[in-house]
């Protein structure tokens, strides 16, 4: 599977490496093409996953602010609930296309 923005592949990984949580595909951290991501100061909190950190996604000068998120330190019990450690895995908003 891959995620693309502005016709550029941001990440690509085998589906077996991905984790699906609440309808979103989370890509393993080592599969991300970091040249397109920059840290954001944005943070939100999920009551069961914990604090989410965000990235801005930039391709060819076009930036989607806070277009990707990850959990650097998932909340206690959330990894067991998901069934796999999703620490650092990155998910994307629908404006970034995730496809096979």
N, C-alpha and C. Protein backbone atom coordinates (compact mmCIF):
# COMPACT_ATOMS: atom_id res chain seq x y z
N UNK A 1 0.85 -1.18 0.00
CA UNK A 1 0.00 0.00 0.00
C UNK A 1 0.89 1.23 0.00
N UNK A 2 0.31 2.34 -0.43
CA UNK A 2 1.07 3.58 -0.48
C UNK A 2 0.17 4.76 -0.16
N UNK A 3 0.81 5.85 0.24
CA UNK A 3 0.12 7.11 0.44
C UNK A 3 0.76 8.12 -0.49
N UNK A 4 -0.09 8.86 -1.22
CA UNK A 4 0.42 9.85 -2.17
C UNK A 4 -0.21 11.21 -1.91
N UNK A 5 0.57 12.23 -2.18
CA UNK A 5 0.10 13.61 -2.09
C UNK A 5 0.71 14.38 -3.25
N UNK A 6 -0.12 15.10 -3.98
CA UNK A 6 0.36 15.89 -5.11
C UNK A 6 1.13 14.99 -6.10
N UNK A 7 0.61 13.78 -6.31
CA UNK A 7 1.18 12.78 -7.23
C UNK A 7 2.55 12.25 -6.81
N UNK A 8 2.93 12.43 -5.55
CA UNK A 8 4.21 11.93 -5.06
C UNK A 8 3.96 10.88 -3.98
N UNK A 9 4.66 9.76 -4.06
CA UNK A 9 4.54 8.73 -3.03
C UNK A 9 5.28 9.20 -1.78
N UNK A 10 4.54 9.28 -0.70
CA UNK A 10 5.09 9.70 0.60
C UNK A 10 5.58 8.49 1.39
N UNK A 11 4.85 7.39 1.24
CA UNK A 11 5.16 6.17 1.98
C UNK A 11 4.66 4.98 1.17
N UNK A 12 5.39 3.87 1.30
CA UNK A 12 4.98 2.63 0.65
C UNK A 12 5.41 1.48 1.54
N UNK A 13 4.48 0.55 1.78
CA UNK A 13 4.77 -0.59 2.65
C UNK A 13 3.84 -1.74 2.29
N UNK A 14 4.27 -2.96 2.60
CA UNK A 14 3.41 -4.12 2.43
C UNK A 14 2.23 -4.02 3.38
N UNK A 15 1.07 -4.43 2.93
CA UNK A 15 -0.12 -4.32 3.76
C UNK A 15 0.06 -5.04 5.09
N UNK A 16 0.83 -6.12 5.11
CA UNK A 16 1.07 -6.86 6.34
C UNK A 16 1.83 -6.07 7.39
N UNK A 17 2.52 -5.00 6.97
CA UNK A 17 3.26 -4.15 7.89
C UNK A 17 2.38 -3.06 8.49
N UNK A 18 1.24 -2.78 7.87
CA UNK A 18 0.37 -1.69 8.30
C UNK A 18 -0.54 -2.14 9.43
N UNK A 19 -1.05 -1.16 10.14
CA UNK A 19 -2.01 -1.42 11.20
C UNK A 19 -3.24 -0.55 10.90
N UNK A 20 -4.42 -1.13 10.97
CA UNK A 20 -5.65 -0.37 10.74
C UNK A 20 -6.30 -0.10 12.09
N UNK A 21 -6.47 1.19 12.39
CA UNK A 21 -7.08 1.61 13.64
C UNK A 21 -8.18 2.61 13.31
N UNK A 22 -9.38 2.30 13.74
CA UNK A 22 -10.53 3.19 13.53
C UNK A 22 -10.65 3.66 12.09
N UNK A 23 -10.42 2.77 11.14
CA UNK A 23 -10.59 3.07 9.72
C UNK A 23 -9.40 3.72 9.06
N UNK A 24 -8.35 4.01 9.81
CA UNK A 24 -7.14 4.64 9.25
C UNK A 24 -6.00 3.63 9.18
N UNK A 25 -5.28 3.66 8.05
CA UNK A 25 -4.09 2.84 7.91
C UNK A 25 -2.90 3.57 8.51
N UNK A 26 -2.18 2.89 9.38
CA UNK A 26 -0.98 3.44 10.01
C UNK A 26 0.23 2.72 9.41
N UNK A 27 1.15 3.52 8.86
CA UNK A 27 2.34 3.00 8.20
C UNK A 27 3.51 2.95 9.18
N UNK A 28 4.35 1.91 9.08
CA UNK A 28 5.50 1.81 9.98
C UNK A 28 6.46 2.99 9.78
N UNK A 29 7.07 3.44 10.87
CA UNK A 29 7.93 4.63 10.79
C UNK A 29 9.08 4.50 9.80
N UNK A 30 9.64 3.32 9.64
CA UNK A 30 10.79 3.16 8.74
C UNK A 30 10.40 3.14 7.26
N UNK A 31 9.09 3.18 6.97
CA UNK A 31 8.65 3.18 5.57
C UNK A 31 8.36 4.60 5.06
N UNK A 32 8.41 5.57 5.94
CA UNK A 32 8.06 6.95 5.59
C UNK A 32 9.21 7.64 4.87
N UNK A 33 8.89 8.34 3.78
CA UNK A 33 9.87 9.16 3.08
C UNK A 33 9.90 10.51 3.80
N UNK A 34 10.82 10.67 4.73
CA UNK A 34 10.86 11.82 5.65
C UNK A 34 11.11 13.16 4.96
N UNK A 35 11.60 13.15 3.74
CA UNK A 35 11.85 14.44 3.09
C UNK A 35 10.57 15.23 2.86
N UNK A 36 9.42 14.57 2.92
CA UNK A 36 8.14 15.24 2.69
C UNK A 36 7.42 15.65 3.98
N UNK A 37 7.98 15.27 5.13
CA UNK A 37 7.32 15.55 6.40
C UNK A 37 8.16 16.48 7.27
N UNK A 38 7.48 17.42 7.92
CA UNK A 38 8.13 18.26 8.91
C UNK A 38 7.26 18.27 10.17
N UNK A 39 7.91 18.26 11.32
CA UNK A 39 7.19 18.26 12.59
C UNK A 39 6.30 19.49 12.70
N UNK A 40 5.16 19.29 13.29
CA UNK A 40 4.21 20.35 13.57
C UNK A 40 4.15 20.54 15.08
N UNK A 41 3.68 21.69 15.52
CA UNK A 41 3.46 21.92 16.95
C UNK A 41 2.08 21.45 17.40
N UNK A 42 1.29 20.95 16.44
CA UNK A 42 -0.08 20.49 16.71
C UNK A 42 -0.06 19.21 17.54
N UNK A 43 -0.95 19.16 18.53
CA UNK A 43 -1.16 17.96 19.34
C UNK A 43 -2.65 17.84 19.63
N UNK A 44 -3.13 16.62 19.59
CA UNK A 44 -4.50 16.34 20.03
C UNK A 44 -4.44 15.13 20.94
N UNK A 45 -5.53 14.88 21.63
CA UNK A 45 -5.55 13.74 22.55
C UNK A 45 -6.73 12.84 22.23
N UNK A 46 -6.42 11.57 22.06
CA UNK A 46 -7.45 10.54 21.93
C UNK A 46 -7.62 9.92 23.32
N UNK A 47 -8.85 9.74 23.75
CA UNK A 47 -9.07 9.26 25.11
C UNK A 47 -8.49 7.87 25.36
N UNK A 48 -8.30 7.07 24.31
CA UNK A 48 -7.75 5.74 24.56
C UNK A 48 -6.38 5.51 23.92
N UNK A 49 -6.00 6.29 22.91
CA UNK A 49 -4.67 6.12 22.30
C UNK A 49 -3.62 7.06 22.89
N UNK A 50 -4.04 8.19 23.42
CA UNK A 50 -3.11 9.13 24.02
C UNK A 50 -2.90 10.37 23.17
N UNK A 51 -1.74 11.03 23.35
CA UNK A 51 -1.45 12.27 22.63
C UNK A 51 -0.93 11.99 21.23
N UNK A 52 -1.56 12.61 20.23
CA UNK A 52 -1.11 12.51 18.84
C UNK A 52 -0.22 13.69 18.51
N UNK A 53 0.86 13.41 17.80
CA UNK A 53 1.76 14.42 17.27
C UNK A 53 1.51 14.49 15.77
N UNK A 54 1.78 15.66 15.16
CA UNK A 54 1.46 15.85 13.75
C UNK A 54 2.66 16.23 12.91
N UNK A 55 2.53 15.95 11.63
CA UNK A 55 3.49 16.38 10.62
C UNK A 55 2.76 17.22 9.58
N UNK A 56 3.47 18.21 9.04
CA UNK A 56 3.02 18.88 7.83
C UNK A 56 3.56 18.04 6.68
N UNK A 57 2.79 17.91 5.61
CA UNK A 57 3.21 17.16 4.43
C UNK A 57 3.42 18.16 3.29
N UNK A 58 4.63 18.19 2.73
CA UNK A 58 4.95 19.15 1.66
C UNK A 58 5.52 18.43 0.45
N UNK A 59 4.90 18.68 -0.71
CA UNK A 59 5.36 18.12 -1.98
C UNK A 59 5.30 19.24 -3.02
N UNK A 60 6.39 19.45 -3.71
CA UNK A 60 6.46 20.46 -4.78
C UNK A 60 5.93 21.83 -4.33
N UNK A 61 6.31 22.23 -3.12
CA UNK A 61 5.93 23.54 -2.62
C UNK A 61 4.51 23.64 -2.08
N UNK A 62 3.73 22.58 -2.19
CA UNK A 62 2.37 22.58 -1.67
C UNK A 62 2.35 21.86 -0.33
N UNK A 63 1.87 22.54 0.71
CA UNK A 63 1.88 21.98 2.07
C UNK A 63 0.46 21.71 2.55
N UNK A 64 0.28 20.53 3.07
CA UNK A 64 -0.95 20.17 3.77
C UNK A 64 -0.58 20.18 5.25
N UNK A 65 -0.98 21.25 5.94
CA UNK A 65 -0.62 21.39 7.34
C UNK A 65 -1.33 20.35 8.20
N UNK A 66 -0.54 19.74 9.08
CA UNK A 66 -1.05 18.73 10.01
C UNK A 66 -1.75 17.58 9.27
N UNK A 67 -1.21 17.20 8.13
CA UNK A 67 -1.82 16.18 7.29
C UNK A 67 -1.54 14.75 7.71
N UNK A 68 -0.63 14.57 8.66
CA UNK A 68 -0.28 13.22 9.12
C UNK A 68 -0.11 13.26 10.64
N UNK A 69 -0.37 12.14 11.28
CA UNK A 69 -0.21 12.09 12.73
C UNK A 69 0.33 10.74 13.18
N UNK A 70 0.85 10.74 14.40
CA UNK A 70 1.40 9.52 15.00
C UNK A 70 1.35 9.65 16.52
N UNK A 71 1.52 8.52 17.18
CA UNK A 71 1.54 8.48 18.64
C UNK A 71 2.94 8.07 19.08
N UNK A 72 3.67 9.04 19.66
CA UNK A 72 5.05 8.77 20.10
C UNK A 72 5.07 7.89 21.35
N UNK A 73 4.06 8.06 22.20
CA UNK A 73 3.95 7.27 23.42
C UNK A 73 2.48 6.91 23.63
N UNK A 74 2.04 5.82 23.01
CA UNK A 74 0.64 5.43 23.17
C UNK A 74 0.26 5.24 24.65
N UNK A 75 -0.96 5.55 24.94
CA UNK A 75 -1.49 5.45 26.30
C UNK A 75 -1.47 3.99 26.78
N UNK A 76 -1.25 3.82 28.07
CA UNK A 76 -1.25 2.48 28.65
C UNK A 76 -2.53 1.73 28.27
N UNK A 77 -2.37 0.50 27.82
CA UNK A 77 -3.48 -0.35 27.44
C UNK A 77 -3.89 -0.23 25.98
N UNK A 78 -3.45 0.84 25.29
CA UNK A 78 -3.87 1.02 23.90
C UNK A 78 -3.20 0.02 22.96
N UNK A 79 -1.95 -0.33 23.21
CA UNK A 79 -1.26 -1.30 22.35
C UNK A 79 -1.95 -2.66 22.47
N UNK A 80 -2.33 -3.03 23.68
CA UNK A 80 -3.05 -4.29 23.88
C UNK A 80 -4.41 -4.23 23.17
N UNK A 81 -5.06 -3.10 23.22
CA UNK A 81 -6.37 -2.94 22.56
C UNK A 81 -6.25 -3.09 21.05
N UNK A 82 -5.18 -2.52 20.46
CA UNK A 82 -4.96 -2.61 19.02
C UNK A 82 -4.45 -4.00 18.64
N UNK A 83 -3.66 -4.60 19.52
CA UNK A 83 -3.11 -5.92 19.25
C UNK A 83 -1.71 -5.89 18.65
N UNK A 84 -1.17 -4.69 18.48
CA UNK A 84 0.17 -4.53 17.92
C UNK A 84 0.70 -3.16 18.35
N UNK A 85 2.01 -3.08 18.55
CA UNK A 85 2.61 -1.82 18.95
C UNK A 85 2.59 -0.84 17.77
N UNK A 86 1.86 0.25 17.93
CA UNK A 86 1.73 1.25 16.86
C UNK A 86 2.54 2.51 17.16
N UNK A 87 3.47 2.44 18.09
CA UNK A 87 4.31 3.58 18.44
C UNK A 87 5.03 4.11 17.20
N UNK A 88 4.85 5.37 16.90
CA UNK A 88 5.53 6.01 15.77
C UNK A 88 4.93 5.73 14.41
N UNK A 89 3.95 4.86 14.32
CA UNK A 89 3.29 4.58 13.04
C UNK A 89 2.54 5.83 12.59
N UNK A 90 2.54 6.11 11.30
CA UNK A 90 1.99 7.35 10.78
C UNK A 90 0.72 7.10 9.97
N UNK A 91 -0.30 7.92 10.24
CA UNK A 91 -1.56 7.88 9.49
C UNK A 91 -1.77 9.23 8.81
N UNK A 92 -2.65 9.24 7.81
CA UNK A 92 -2.84 10.43 7.00
C UNK A 92 -4.32 10.80 6.90
N UNK A 93 -4.58 12.09 6.76
CA UNK A 93 -5.94 12.56 6.50
C UNK A 93 -6.35 12.15 5.08
N UNK A 94 -7.66 12.09 4.81
CA UNK A 94 -8.15 11.61 3.51
C UNK A 94 -7.66 12.41 2.30
N UNK A 95 -7.22 13.64 2.48
CA UNK A 95 -6.71 14.41 1.35
C UNK A 95 -5.41 13.82 0.81
N UNK A 96 -4.78 12.97 1.58
CA UNK A 96 -3.61 12.22 1.14
C UNK A 96 -4.13 10.83 0.81
N UNK A 97 -3.98 10.43 -0.42
CA UNK A 97 -4.58 9.20 -0.92
C UNK A 97 -3.81 7.97 -0.46
N UNK A 98 -4.52 7.06 0.19
CA UNK A 98 -3.95 5.77 0.58
C UNK A 98 -4.61 4.71 -0.30
N UNK A 99 -3.77 3.93 -0.99
CA UNK A 99 -4.31 2.94 -1.93
C UNK A 99 -3.37 1.74 -2.04
N UNK A 100 -3.89 0.70 -2.70
CA UNK A 100 -3.09 -0.51 -2.96
C UNK A 100 -2.07 -0.23 -4.04
